[in-house]
Amino acid sequence: MNKSNEELIQLMNELDLHREEVARLLNVPLVTVYQWTRTEGGREQITMPESELKLLKYSLMSENKYSTLF
């Protein structure tokens, strides 16, 4: 699994984020988030771009939910 994908899954687990919230924050289709979070060997897994992961972190910080994620 790609490092960005692993970090996304870890972030979602730690912050109790749902796929729908990630999709909304990044303005991407929900199916894309499902593809990013598929486990190894899963069908249709795609690599999450590093820039999208950074954008997610900034989005979470700008909503004042989390003080720092970097």
C-alpha atoms as a PDB file:
ATOM      1  CA  MET A   1       0.000   0.000   0.000  1.00  0.00           C
ATOM      2  CA  ASN A   2       1.186   3.499  -0.813  1.00  0.00           C
ATOM      3  CA  LYS A   3       2.438   5.700   2.034  1.00  0.00           C
ATOM      4  CA  SER A   4      -0.261   8.328   1.414  1.00  0.00           C
ATOM      5  CA  ASN A   5      -2.982   5.680   1.487  1.00  0.00           C
ATOM      6  CA  GLU A   6      -1.641   4.249   4.736  1.00  0.00           C
ATOM      7  CA  GLU A   7      -1.435   7.696   6.302  1.00  0.00           C
ATOM      8  CA  LEU A   8      -4.996   8.491   5.209  1.00  0.00           C
ATOM      9  CA  ILE A   9      -6.329   5.324   6.842  1.00  0.00           C
ATOM     10  CA  GLN A  10      -4.368   6.046  10.010  1.00  0.00           C
ATOM     11  CA  LEU A  11      -5.639   9.639  10.098  1.00  0.00           C
ATOM     12  CA  MET A  12      -9.213   8.503   9.568  1.00  0.00           C
ATOM     13  CA  ASN A  13      -8.895   5.989  12.414  1.00  0.00           C
ATOM     14  CA  GLU A  14      -7.251   8.432  14.822  1.00  0.00           C
ATOM     15  CA  LEU A  15      -9.715  11.259  14.155  1.00  0.00           C
ATOM     16  CA  ASP A  16     -12.770   9.075  13.614  1.00  0.00           C
ATOM     17  CA  LEU A  17     -13.300  10.480  10.116  1.00  0.00           C
ATOM     18  CA  HIS A  18     -15.774   8.841   7.790  1.00  0.00           C
ATOM     19  CA  ARG A  19     -15.219   8.435   4.072  1.00  0.00           C
ATOM     20  CA  GLU A  20     -18.096  10.821   3.358  1.00  0.00           C
ATOM     21  CA  GLU A  21     -16.407  13.576   5.361  1.00  0.00           C
ATOM     22  CA  VAL A  22     -13.088  13.048   3.581  1.00  0.00           C
ATOM     23  CA  ALA A  23     -14.859  13.202   0.209  1.00  0.00           C
ATOM     24  CA  ARG A  24     -16.643  16.413   1.199  1.00  0.00           C
ATOM     25  CA  LEU A  25     -13.485  18.108   2.499  1.00  0.00           C
ATOM     26  CA  LEU A  26     -11.519  17.246  -0.643  1.00  0.00           C
ATOM     27  CA  ASN A  27     -14.405  17.711  -3.051  1.00  0.00           C
ATOM     28  CA  VAL A  28     -13.817  14.311  -4.615  1.00  0.00           C
ATOM     29  CA  PRO A  29     -16.307  11.540  -5.393  1.00  0.00           C
ATOM     30  CA  LEU A  30     -16.978   9.139  -2.538  1.00  0.00           C
ATOM     31  CA  VAL A  31     -15.877   6.251  -4.745  1.00  0.00           C
ATOM     32  CA  THR A  32     -12.408   7.830  -4.921  1.00  0.00           C
ATOM     33  CA  VAL A  33     -12.071   7.755  -1.133  1.00  0.00           C
ATOM     34  CA  TYR A  34     -13.186   4.119  -1.148  1.00  0.00           C
ATOM     35  CA  GLN A  35     -10.469   3.348  -3.700  1.00  0.00           C
ATOM     36  CA  TRP A  36      -7.844   5.134  -1.584  1.00  0.00           C
ATOM     37  CA  THR A  37      -8.805   3.175   1.513  1.00  0.00           C
ATOM     38  CA  ARG A  38      -8.970  -0.311   0.062  1.00  0.00           C
ATOM     39  CA  THR A  39      -6.557  -2.740   1.693  1.00  0.00           C
ATOM     40  CA  GLU A  40      -3.774  -4.384  -0.250  1.00  0.00           C
ATOM     41  CA  GLY A  41      -5.052  -6.912  -2.678  1.00  0.00           C
ATOM     42  CA  GLY A  42      -8.364  -5.109  -2.827  1.00  0.00           C
ATOM     43  CA  ARG A  43      -9.972  -4.421  -6.140  1.00  0.00           C
ATOM     44  CA  GLU A  44      -9.477  -1.088  -7.808  1.00  0.00           C
ATOM     45  CA  GLN A  45      -7.115   0.396  -5.229  1.00  0.00           C
ATOM     46  CA  ILE A  46      -5.591   3.650  -6.426  1.00  0.00           C
ATOM     47  CA  THR A  47      -2.793   5.728  -4.956  1.00  0.00           C
ATOM     48  CA  MET A  48      -3.809   8.843  -3.068  1.00  0.00           C
ATOM     49  CA  PRO A  49      -1.756  11.817  -4.288  1.00  0.00           C
ATOM     50  CA  GLU A  50       0.433  13.332  -1.565  1.00  0.00           C
ATOM     51  CA  SER A  51      -1.058  16.741  -2.380  1.00  0.00           C
ATOM     52  CA  GLU A  52      -4.564  15.477  -1.541  1.00  0.00           C
ATOM     53  CA  LEU A  53      -3.379  14.209   1.833  1.00  0.00           C
ATOM     54  CA  LYS A  54      -1.820  17.593   2.612  1.00  0.00           C
ATOM     55  CA  LEU A  55      -4.990  19.358   1.491  1.00  0.00           C
ATOM     56  CA  LEU A  56      -7.047  17.146   3.794  1.00  0.00           C
ATOM     57  CA  LYS A  57      -4.836  18.039   6.740  1.00  0.00           C
ATOM     58  CA  TYR A  58      -5.074  21.753   5.976  1.00  0.00           C
ATOM     59  CA  SER A  59      -8.834  21.486   5.565  1.00  0.00           C
ATOM     60  CA  LEU A  60      -9.195  19.811   8.940  1.00  0.00           C
ATOM     61  CA  MET A  61      -7.009  22.439  10.576  1.00  0.00           C
ATOM     62  CA  SER A  62      -8.856  25.331   8.931  1.00  0.00           C
ATOM     63  CA  GLU A  63     -12.164  24.042  10.276  1.00  0.00           C
ATOM     64  CA  ASN A  64     -10.617  24.424  13.753  1.00  0.00           C
ATOM     65  CA  LYS A  65     -11.160  20.776  14.495  1.00  0.00           C
ATOM     66  CA  TYR A  66      -7.498  20.019  15.026  1.00  0.00           C
ATOM     67  CA  SER A  67      -4.697  22.391  15.950  1.00  0.00           C
ATOM     68  CA  THR A  68      -1.902  20.680  14.095  1.00  0.00           C
ATOM     69  CA  LEU A  69      -1.590  17.624  11.919  1.00  0.00           C
ATOM     70  CA  PHE A  70       1.914  18.162  10.573  1.00  0.00           C
END
